[in-house]
Amino acid sequence: MAGHSQFKNIMFRKGGQDKKRSKLFSKLAREITVAAKSGLPDPAHNPKLRAAIAAARKENMPKDNVDRAIKKALGGDADNYEELRYEGYGPGGVALIVECLTDNRNRSASDVRSLFSKHGGNMGADGSVAFLFNRVGSITYPAAKGSADAMLEQAIEAGADEVMSSDEAHEFLCSVDSFGEVRDALEKALGTSEAARIVFKPLDTKNVDEETGRSLMKLIDALDDHDDVQQVYANYEMSDAVMEKLAAA
């Protein structure tokens, strides 16, 4: 996913998730609980928690759900979740990185491997596709925050490496080392972001046709649907025409 179609591709995938609000809220709650448990339970003093809550609000997650997720961490009865990453190739040789939060690494590894195999992919060893991506800090704001030129000025002032603007959003990118500093500077200037996390950006993308795209989306949707999976990154590119056909199917 890259260039002008990046957010369109994300929106295409989000369409499937929006039909499964309960599962999505469960994943967001898990992220909030883990963030609250890893630092102070106050979002004003815990950037990771602040970002998790912002992501939940973006998906219209009820405030009661957010509060319960934080209280779960405070109560000391929250499960001990482990952050894991799996890599592999999907249909058409598209590289995928799958990030999980799990309380059972054996279950997660077995299930993710099975999903790759079932949908025409192949899960590889650690590092098998990571070299095809850059790991960077990503801070996202809605397009209504300002023009592309205005956001470019904000990026320069905050120390970001670049900003990618579209009709849907502005995404500021920076190095992992400067992520905290850039995020805080942007929040001071623009307010709380819609999302702020360390992500994987493809160095290059593979253009996929309709047939490959259909198989690929089945794999990505199956991964997204798994309870342990939090994020899926892939280095594909689809034309608007292909996306329209797949969305209509």
Protein backbone atom coordinates (compact mmCIF):
# COMPACT_ATOMS: atom_id res chain seq x y z
CA MET A 1 0.00 0.00 0.00
CA ALA A 2 1.55 3.25 -1.05
CA GLY A 3 0.99 6.51 -2.88
CA HIS A 4 -2.41 8.02 -3.54
CA SER A 5 -4.30 4.76 -3.09
CA GLN A 6 -2.94 3.98 0.38
CA PHE A 7 -5.96 5.24 2.30
CA LYS A 8 -8.38 3.87 -0.30
CA ASN A 9 -6.90 0.41 0.22
CA ILE A 10 -7.20 0.79 3.98
CA MET A 11 -10.81 1.92 3.64
CA PHE A 12 -11.56 -1.05 1.37
CA ARG A 13 -10.30 -3.46 4.04
CA LYS A 14 -12.00 -1.54 6.84
CA GLY A 15 -15.36 -2.15 5.18
CA GLY A 16 -15.20 -5.80 6.23
CA GLN A 17 -14.16 -4.92 9.77
CA ASP A 18 -17.01 -2.45 10.21
CA LYS A 19 -19.46 -5.35 9.88
CA LYS A 20 -17.82 -7.01 12.88
CA ARG A 21 -17.93 -4.24 15.44
CA SER A 22 -17.90 -6.52 18.46
CA LYS A 23 -14.66 -8.22 17.38
CA LEU A 24 -13.07 -4.89 16.49
CA PHE A 25 -14.00 -3.40 19.86
CA SER A 26 -12.53 -6.47 21.58
CA LYS A 27 -9.19 -5.91 19.84
CA LEU A 28 -9.21 -2.19 20.63
CA ALA A 29 -10.02 -2.94 24.29
CA ARG A 30 -7.13 -5.40 24.44
CA GLU A 31 -4.76 -2.75 23.10
CA ILE A 32 -6.04 -0.23 25.66
CA THR A 33 -5.60 -2.72 28.52
CA VAL A 34 -2.05 -3.61 27.47
CA ALA A 35 -1.16 0.08 27.10
CA ALA A 36 -2.63 0.94 30.52
CA LYS A 37 -0.81 -1.98 32.12
CA SER A 38 2.53 -1.01 30.57
CA GLY A 39 2.54 2.50 32.09
CA LEU A 40 0.38 4.95 33.99
CA PRO A 41 -3.38 4.46 33.53
CA ASP A 42 -3.76 8.19 32.80
CA PRO A 43 -3.68 8.93 29.03
CA ALA A 44 -2.29 12.39 29.74
CA HIS A 45 0.90 10.74 31.02
CA ASN A 46 0.89 7.59 28.88
CA PRO A 47 1.28 8.29 25.12
CA LYS A 48 0.71 4.63 24.21
CA LEU A 49 -2.59 4.62 26.09
CA ARG A 50 -3.54 7.97 24.59
CA ALA A 51 -2.99 6.60 21.09
CA ALA A 52 -4.97 3.44 21.86
CA ILE A 53 -7.91 5.46 23.16
CA ALA A 54 -7.78 7.76 20.11
CA ALA A 55 -7.93 4.72 17.82
CA ALA A 56 -10.94 3.41 19.77
CA ARG A 57 -12.75 6.73 19.54
CA LYS A 58 -12.12 6.85 15.79
CA GLU A 59 -14.08 3.58 15.53
CA ASN A 60 -16.86 5.01 17.76
CA MET A 61 -16.11 2.62 20.58
CA PRO A 62 -18.36 3.54 23.56
CA LYS A 63 -16.70 5.34 26.45
CA ASP A 64 -17.90 2.65 28.87
CA ASN A 65 -15.91 0.06 26.90
CA VAL A 66 -12.80 2.23 27.09
CA ASP A 67 -13.19 2.74 30.84
CA ARG A 68 -13.69 -0.99 31.43
CA ALA A 69 -10.54 -1.80 29.47
CA ILE A 70 -8.50 0.58 31.63
CA LYS A 71 -10.06 -0.71 34.87
CA LYS A 72 -9.21 -4.26 33.82
CA ALA A 73 -5.52 -3.30 33.78
CA LEU A 74 -5.83 -1.58 37.17
CA GLY A 75 -7.57 -4.58 38.71
CA GLY A 76 -4.56 -6.79 38.18
CA ASP A 77 -6.67 -9.57 36.68
CA ALA A 78 -5.84 -8.76 33.07
CA ASP A 79 -4.31 -11.51 30.98
CA ASN A 80 -0.60 -11.26 30.24
CA TYR A 81 -0.47 -10.52 26.53
CA GLU A 82 2.66 -10.94 24.46
CA GLU A 83 3.44 -8.95 21.33
CA LEU A 84 4.40 -11.26 18.45
CA ARG A 85 5.15 -10.76 14.76
CA TYR A 86 4.79 -13.21 11.91
CA GLU A 87 5.95 -12.83 8.32
CA GLY A 88 5.14 -14.52 5.06
CA TYR A 89 3.98 -14.27 1.47
CA GLY A 90 0.44 -14.23 0.18
CA PRO A 91 -1.02 -14.80 -3.31
CA GLY A 92 0.97 -13.15 -6.08
CA GLY A 93 4.10 -13.04 -3.91
CA VAL A 94 2.73 -10.16 -1.81
CA ALA A 95 4.72 -9.80 1.42
CA LEU A 96 2.78 -9.65 4.69
CA ILE A 97 3.69 -8.80 8.27
CA VAL A 98 1.18 -9.82 10.95
CA GLU A 99 1.31 -8.29 14.43
CA CYS A 100 -0.43 -10.09 17.30
CA LEU A 101 -1.28 -9.57 20.95
CA THR A 102 -1.72 -13.00 22.45
CA ASP A 103 -1.83 -14.93 25.70
CA ASN A 104 -0.89 -18.15 23.90
CA ARG A 105 1.97 -17.96 21.40
CA ASN A 106 1.60 -21.60 20.31
CA ARG A 107 -2.04 -21.06 19.37
CA SER A 108 -1.27 -17.86 17.50
CA ALA A 109 1.61 -19.36 15.51
CA SER A 110 -0.41 -22.43 14.56
CA ASP A 111 -3.50 -20.45 13.57
CA VAL A 112 -1.63 -17.83 11.55
CA ARG A 113 0.36 -20.50 9.72
CA SER A 114 -2.87 -22.34 8.94
CA LEU A 115 -4.52 -19.20 7.56
CA PHE A 116 -1.54 -18.51 5.28
CA SER A 117 -1.67 -22.07 3.96
CA LYS A 118 -5.46 -22.16 3.55
CA HIS A 119 -5.53 -18.98 1.47
CA GLY A 120 -2.66 -19.61 -0.92
CA GLY A 121 0.15 -18.12 1.13
CA ASN A 122 3.20 -19.31 3.00
CA MET A 123 4.32 -18.20 6.45
CA GLY A 124 8.08 -17.75 6.65
CA ALA A 125 10.74 -17.36 9.30
CA ASP A 126 11.50 -14.15 11.17
CA GLY A 127 13.07 -11.67 8.78
CA SER A 128 11.83 -13.42 5.66
CA VAL A 129 9.95 -10.33 4.44
CA ALA A 130 10.82 -7.61 6.98
CA PHE A 131 13.66 -6.40 4.73
CA LEU A 132 10.99 -5.33 2.21
CA PHE A 133 9.59 -2.79 4.70
CA ASN A 134 10.76 0.24 6.64
CA ARG A 135 9.77 0.42 10.30
CA VAL A 136 8.73 4.00 10.96
CA GLY A 137 6.64 6.15 13.24
CA SER A 138 3.24 7.08 11.85
CA ILE A 139 0.97 9.82 13.22
CA THR A 140 -2.36 10.37 11.46
CA TYR A 141 -4.73 13.35 11.48
CA PRO A 142 -7.99 13.88 9.57
CA ALA A 143 -7.83 15.85 6.33
CA ALA A 144 -9.93 18.60 7.93
CA LYS A 145 -6.94 19.64 10.07
CA GLY A 146 -5.60 21.70 7.18
CA SER A 147 -4.23 21.84 3.67
CA ALA A 148 -1.37 19.69 2.44
CA ASP A 149 0.90 22.76 2.43
CA ALA A 150 -0.05 23.65 6.01
CA MET A 151 0.62 20.08 7.15
CA LEU A 152 3.99 20.11 5.39
CA GLU A 153 4.93 23.14 7.46
CA GLN A 154 3.80 21.34 10.61
CA ALA A 155 5.87 18.30 9.63
CA ILE A 156 9.00 20.43 9.23
CA GLU A 157 8.44 22.17 12.57
CA ALA A 158 7.79 18.89 14.39
CA GLY A 159 10.84 17.16 12.89
CA ALA A 160 8.92 14.60 10.82
CA ASP A 161 10.60 13.14 7.75
CA GLU A 162 7.56 13.58 5.50
CA VAL A 163 3.79 13.89 5.41
CA MET A 164 1.49 12.02 3.03
CA SER A 165 -1.76 13.88 2.40
CA SER A 166 -4.93 12.57 0.77
CA ASP A 167 -8.62 13.40 0.71
CA GLU A 168 -9.06 11.27 3.83
CA ALA A 169 -6.10 12.04 6.08
CA HIS A 170 -2.63 13.42 6.67
CA GLU A 171 -0.04 10.85 7.74
CA PHE A 172 3.20 12.13 9.27
CA LEU A 173 6.18 9.76 9.07
CA CYS A 174 9.34 9.81 11.15
CA SER A 175 12.10 7.53 12.39
CA VAL A 176 11.42 5.15 15.25
CA ASP A 177 13.98 7.00 17.40
CA SER A 178 12.27 10.38 16.94
CA PHE A 179 8.70 9.04 17.15
CA GLY A 180 7.94 10.25 20.69
CA GLU A 181 9.35 13.72 20.09
CA VAL A 182 7.52 14.18 16.76
CA ARG A 183 4.23 12.82 18.15
CA ASP A 184 4.35 15.19 21.13
CA ALA A 185 5.18 18.19 18.92
CA LEU A 186 2.29 17.42 16.57
CA GLU A 187 -0.14 16.91 19.45
CA LYS A 188 0.86 20.27 20.86
CA ALA A 189 0.15 21.95 17.51
CA LEU A 190 -2.79 19.89 16.21
CA GLY A 191 -4.32 18.12 19.19
CA THR A 192 -4.73 14.38 19.75
CA SER A 193 -4.05 12.32 16.65
CA GLU A 194 -6.38 9.71 15.17
CA ALA A 195 -3.58 7.15 15.34
CA ALA A 196 0.03 7.15 16.50
CA ARG A 197 2.05 3.96 16.29
CA ILE A 198 5.16 2.29 14.94
CA VAL A 199 4.25 0.72 11.59
CA PHE A 200 5.77 -1.11 8.64
CA LYS A 201 5.86 0.76 5.31
CA PRO A 202 6.74 -1.17 2.14
CA LEU A 203 9.86 -0.07 0.31
CA ASP A 204 8.15 -1.00 -2.95
CA THR A 205 4.75 -2.37 -3.92
CA LYS A 206 3.37 -5.15 -6.11
CA ASN A 207 0.50 -4.28 -8.41
CA VAL A 208 -2.10 -7.05 -8.22
CA ASP A 209 -4.85 -7.88 -10.69
CA GLU A 210 -8.45 -8.75 -9.86
CA GLU A 211 -7.91 -12.51 -9.49
CA THR A 212 -4.87 -12.13 -7.26
CA GLY A 213 -6.53 -9.30 -5.36
CA ARG A 214 -9.55 -11.45 -4.58
CA SER A 215 -7.38 -14.24 -3.14
CA LEU A 216 -5.18 -11.77 -1.28
CA MET A 217 -8.11 -10.01 0.35
CA LYS A 218 -9.52 -13.35 1.53
CA LEU A 219 -6.22 -14.01 3.31
CA ILE A 220 -5.97 -10.52 4.80
CA ASP A 221 -9.61 -10.58 5.91
CA ALA A 222 -9.10 -14.00 7.53
CA LEU A 223 -6.05 -12.71 9.39
CA ASP A 224 -7.87 -9.53 10.44
CA ASP A 225 -10.73 -11.66 11.72
CA HIS A 226 -8.51 -13.67 14.07
CA ASP A 227 -8.82 -12.59 17.70
CA ASP A 228 -5.05 -12.43 18.26
CA VAL A 229 -4.22 -10.32 15.19
CA GLN A 230 -3.97 -6.57 15.74
CA GLN A 231 -2.39 -5.30 12.50
CA VAL A 232 -1.64 -6.65 9.04
CA TYR A 233 0.83 -4.89 6.70
CA ALA A 234 1.26 -5.78 3.04
CA ASN A 235 3.17 -4.45 0.04
CA TYR A 236 0.37 -4.60 -2.53
CA GLU A 237 -1.13 -1.94 -4.77
CA MET A 238 -4.54 -2.18 -6.44
CA SER A 239 -5.97 0.09 -9.09
CA ASP A 240 -9.25 1.89 -8.43
CA ALA A 241 -10.93 -0.31 -11.04
CA VAL A 242 -9.82 -3.52 -9.31
CA MET A 243 -10.91 -2.23 -5.90
CA GLU A 244 -14.33 -1.29 -7.27
CA LYS A 245 -14.81 -4.77 -8.74
CA LEU A 246 -13.78 -6.49 -5.53
CA ALA A 247 -15.96 -4.22 -3.40
CA ALA A 248 -18.95 -4.96 -5.63
CA ALA A 249 -18.43 -8.73 -5.52
